[in-house]
Amino acid sequence: MITERIPTHGTIPITKAALEELKVQLEEARIKRREKRDDLEYAGVRQADALDEQNAHQTAFEKCMLEDRVNLIRIILNNVSFEFIDDMTIDETKVGIGTIVRLFDIEAKEHLDITFLGPIEADTDLDIYNFDPKEVPMAMASNGLGEGDRFTCNNLEYEILEIKRWK
């Protein structure tokens, strides 16, 4: 999902599927924005009471949020250069963008699978991280390492068990 943390200029890595999803999100936000505008117009012609007024305020707030979302997606699509992540050219011998990495947390004795993609697809709830070594500690600590290597991130030690291509 698009957030304010997405760069609005420069070049960012992205999969073709994510770019298409971005375009779909823009169209969906435009449709919802039109629906909210229609709701506001309808609320304006109805008899105003306290509940109607509260609903109108909520609808106006939601419309404003949708406006912001449409504008952010438009800015990204118009001002950002995209570098496509091609899963066929990903080096599976080292951690980098477009890889799925199976880690072993030494202390917790647990396995962890993480995926490194670009900022648009990053979702830490799904263990998908933005592969930006300047901003993401896990990317910084594991960048360029191979299977069997160990690294420390946020005072936790990990061993890289497996690296494979994202797809």
Protein backbone atom coordinates (compact mmCIF):
# COMPACT_ATOMS: atom_id res chain seq x y z
CA MET A 1 0.00 0.00 0.00
CA ILE A 2 1.20 3.51 -0.79
CA THR A 3 2.36 5.62 2.13
CA GLU A 4 4.05 8.94 2.65
CA ARG A 5 7.39 7.11 2.98
CA ILE A 6 7.44 6.30 -0.73
CA PRO A 7 9.88 8.52 -2.60
CA THR A 8 8.13 11.04 -4.85
CA HIS A 9 11.17 11.65 -7.05
CA GLY A 10 14.26 9.82 -8.24
CA THR A 11 14.44 6.17 -9.21
CA ILE A 12 12.92 3.35 -7.21
CA PRO A 13 12.86 -0.41 -7.78
CA ILE A 14 9.48 -1.97 -8.48
CA THR A 15 8.02 -5.12 -9.96
CA LYS A 16 5.79 -4.83 -13.00
CA ALA A 17 2.92 -6.29 -10.97
CA ALA A 18 3.33 -3.56 -8.34
CA LEU A 19 3.27 -0.83 -10.98
CA GLU A 20 0.03 -2.24 -12.37
CA GLU A 21 -1.38 -2.42 -8.83
CA LEU A 22 -0.43 1.23 -8.33
CA LYS A 23 -2.43 2.17 -11.42
CA VAL A 24 -5.40 0.12 -10.17
CA GLN A 25 -5.19 1.85 -6.77
CA LEU A 26 -5.26 5.22 -8.50
CA GLU A 27 -8.40 4.32 -10.45
CA GLU A 28 -10.11 2.87 -7.37
CA ALA A 29 -9.29 6.00 -5.35
CA ARG A 30 -10.70 8.18 -8.15
CA ILE A 31 -13.95 6.18 -8.16
CA LYS A 32 -14.28 6.36 -4.36
CA ARG A 33 -13.56 10.10 -4.50
CA ARG A 34 -16.43 10.57 -6.98
CA GLU A 35 -18.73 8.53 -4.74
CA LYS A 36 -17.84 10.71 -1.73
CA ARG A 37 -18.47 13.85 -3.79
CA ASP A 38 -21.90 12.50 -4.75
CA ASP A 39 -22.60 11.65 -1.09
CA LEU A 40 -21.72 15.21 -0.09
CA GLU A 41 -23.98 16.67 -2.78
CA TYR A 42 -26.84 14.41 -1.66
CA ALA A 43 -26.27 15.37 1.99
CA GLY A 44 -26.49 19.04 0.99
CA VAL A 45 -30.01 18.69 -0.43
CA ARG A 46 -31.37 16.67 2.49
CA GLN A 47 -32.93 18.20 5.56
CA ALA A 48 -30.01 19.04 7.85
CA ASP A 49 -30.13 17.54 11.30
CA ALA A 50 -27.32 16.67 13.72
CA LEU A 51 -26.83 13.15 12.36
CA ASP A 52 -26.83 14.34 8.73
CA GLU A 53 -24.30 17.01 9.62
CA GLN A 54 -22.04 14.48 11.35
CA ASN A 55 -22.28 12.15 8.33
CA ALA A 56 -21.48 15.05 6.00
CA HIS A 57 -18.38 15.91 8.05
CA GLN A 58 -17.24 12.27 8.02
CA THR A 59 -17.83 12.04 4.27
CA ALA A 60 -15.93 15.30 3.69
CA PHE A 61 -13.02 13.98 5.77
CA GLU A 62 -12.96 10.71 3.80
CA LYS A 63 -13.09 12.67 0.53
CA CYS A 64 -10.13 14.74 1.68
CA MET A 65 -8.16 11.58 2.52
CA LEU A 66 -8.97 10.15 -0.92
CA GLU A 67 -7.84 13.41 -2.55
CA ASP A 68 -4.51 13.09 -0.75
CA ARG A 69 -4.16 9.47 -1.87
CA VAL A 70 -4.99 10.28 -5.50
CA ASN A 71 -2.51 13.16 -5.47
CA LEU A 72 0.27 11.05 -3.91
CA ILE A 73 -0.16 8.23 -6.43
CA ARG A 74 -0.27 10.76 -9.29
CA ILE A 75 2.94 12.41 -8.04
CA ILE A 76 4.66 9.02 -7.81
CA LEU A 77 3.55 7.94 -11.29
CA ASN A 78 4.50 11.28 -12.85
CA ASN A 79 7.78 12.05 -11.06
CA VAL A 80 9.44 8.75 -10.25
CA SER A 81 11.54 6.69 -12.61
CA PHE A 82 10.97 3.00 -12.09
CA GLU A 83 13.69 0.39 -12.24
CA PHE A 84 11.97 -2.92 -12.83
CA ILE A 85 12.95 -5.89 -10.70
CA ASP A 86 13.43 -8.74 -13.16
CA ASP A 87 13.23 -12.03 -11.29
CA MET A 88 15.22 -13.79 -14.01
CA THR A 89 18.35 -11.69 -13.41
CA ILE A 90 18.44 -11.90 -9.62
CA ASP A 91 21.66 -13.31 -8.17
CA GLU A 92 20.67 -16.13 -5.82
CA THR A 93 24.15 -16.35 -4.31
CA LYS A 94 23.87 -13.17 -2.26
CA VAL A 95 21.26 -11.12 -0.44
CA GLY A 96 19.94 -8.26 -2.56
CA ILE A 97 16.80 -6.77 -4.00
CA GLY A 98 14.41 -9.38 -5.33
CA THR A 99 15.56 -12.16 -3.01
CA ILE A 100 13.75 -14.27 -0.47
CA VAL A 101 16.08 -15.05 2.40
CA ARG A 102 15.60 -17.84 4.93
CA LEU A 103 17.24 -16.83 8.18
CA PHE A 104 17.87 -18.59 11.44
CA ASP A 105 17.56 -16.43 14.54
CA ILE A 106 20.43 -17.76 16.66
CA GLU A 107 19.00 -16.68 20.04
CA ALA A 108 15.33 -17.54 19.48
CA LYS A 109 16.22 -20.67 17.51
CA GLU A 110 13.55 -19.83 14.93
CA HIS A 111 13.45 -19.73 11.16
CA LEU A 112 12.38 -16.54 9.44
CA ASP A 113 11.71 -15.92 5.74
CA ILE A 114 12.00 -12.35 4.51
CA THR A 115 11.63 -10.87 1.05
CA PHE A 116 13.52 -7.82 -0.17
CA LEU A 117 11.70 -5.69 -2.75
CA GLY A 118 11.24 -1.96 -3.36
CA PRO A 119 9.49 0.60 -1.16
CA ILE A 120 6.11 0.33 -2.87
CA GLU A 121 5.81 -3.38 -2.15
CA ALA A 122 7.33 -3.29 1.33
CA ASP A 123 5.00 -4.59 4.03
CA THR A 124 6.71 -5.67 7.24
CA ASP A 125 3.52 -7.42 8.40
CA LEU A 126 4.12 -9.82 5.48
CA ASP A 127 7.91 -9.90 6.05
CA ILE A 128 8.50 -7.94 2.84
CA TYR A 129 11.16 -5.30 3.37
CA ASN A 130 12.28 -2.32 1.34
CA PHE A 131 15.77 -3.18 0.16
CA ASP A 132 17.33 0.17 0.88
CA PRO A 133 20.53 -0.36 2.86
CA LYS A 134 20.55 3.34 3.81
CA GLU A 135 17.17 3.16 5.56
CA VAL A 136 16.45 -0.46 6.48
CA PRO A 137 18.74 -2.04 9.10
CA MET A 138 18.02 -5.62 7.96
CA ALA A 139 18.97 -4.71 4.38
CA MET A 140 22.10 -2.88 5.54
CA ALA A 141 23.26 -5.77 7.71
CA SER A 142 22.65 -8.54 5.18
CA ASN A 143 23.41 -6.78 1.87
CA GLY A 144 25.68 -8.90 -0.30
CA LEU A 145 26.03 -11.78 2.16
CA GLY A 146 25.65 -15.40 1.09
CA GLU A 147 24.35 -18.67 2.47
CA GLY A 148 26.11 -19.65 5.70
CA ASP A 149 27.06 -16.07 6.54
CA ARG A 150 26.08 -14.59 9.89
CA PHE A 151 25.16 -11.00 10.68
CA THR A 152 23.80 -8.91 13.52
CA CYS A 153 20.83 -6.58 13.23
CA ASN A 154 19.29 -4.71 16.16
CA ASN A 155 21.36 -6.80 18.59
CA LEU A 156 20.01 -10.06 17.17
CA GLU A 157 22.26 -12.55 15.39
CA TYR A 158 21.08 -14.34 12.26
CA GLU A 159 22.50 -16.98 9.97
CA ILE A 160 21.55 -17.03 6.29
CA LEU A 161 20.31 -20.52 5.48
CA GLU A 162 18.98 -20.05 1.96
CA ILE A 163 18.65 -17.39 -0.72
CA LYS A 164 16.27 -17.70 -3.63
CA ARG A 165 14.73 -15.52 -6.28
CA TRP A 166 11.54 -13.68 -5.52
CA LYS A 167 8.52 -14.55 -7.63
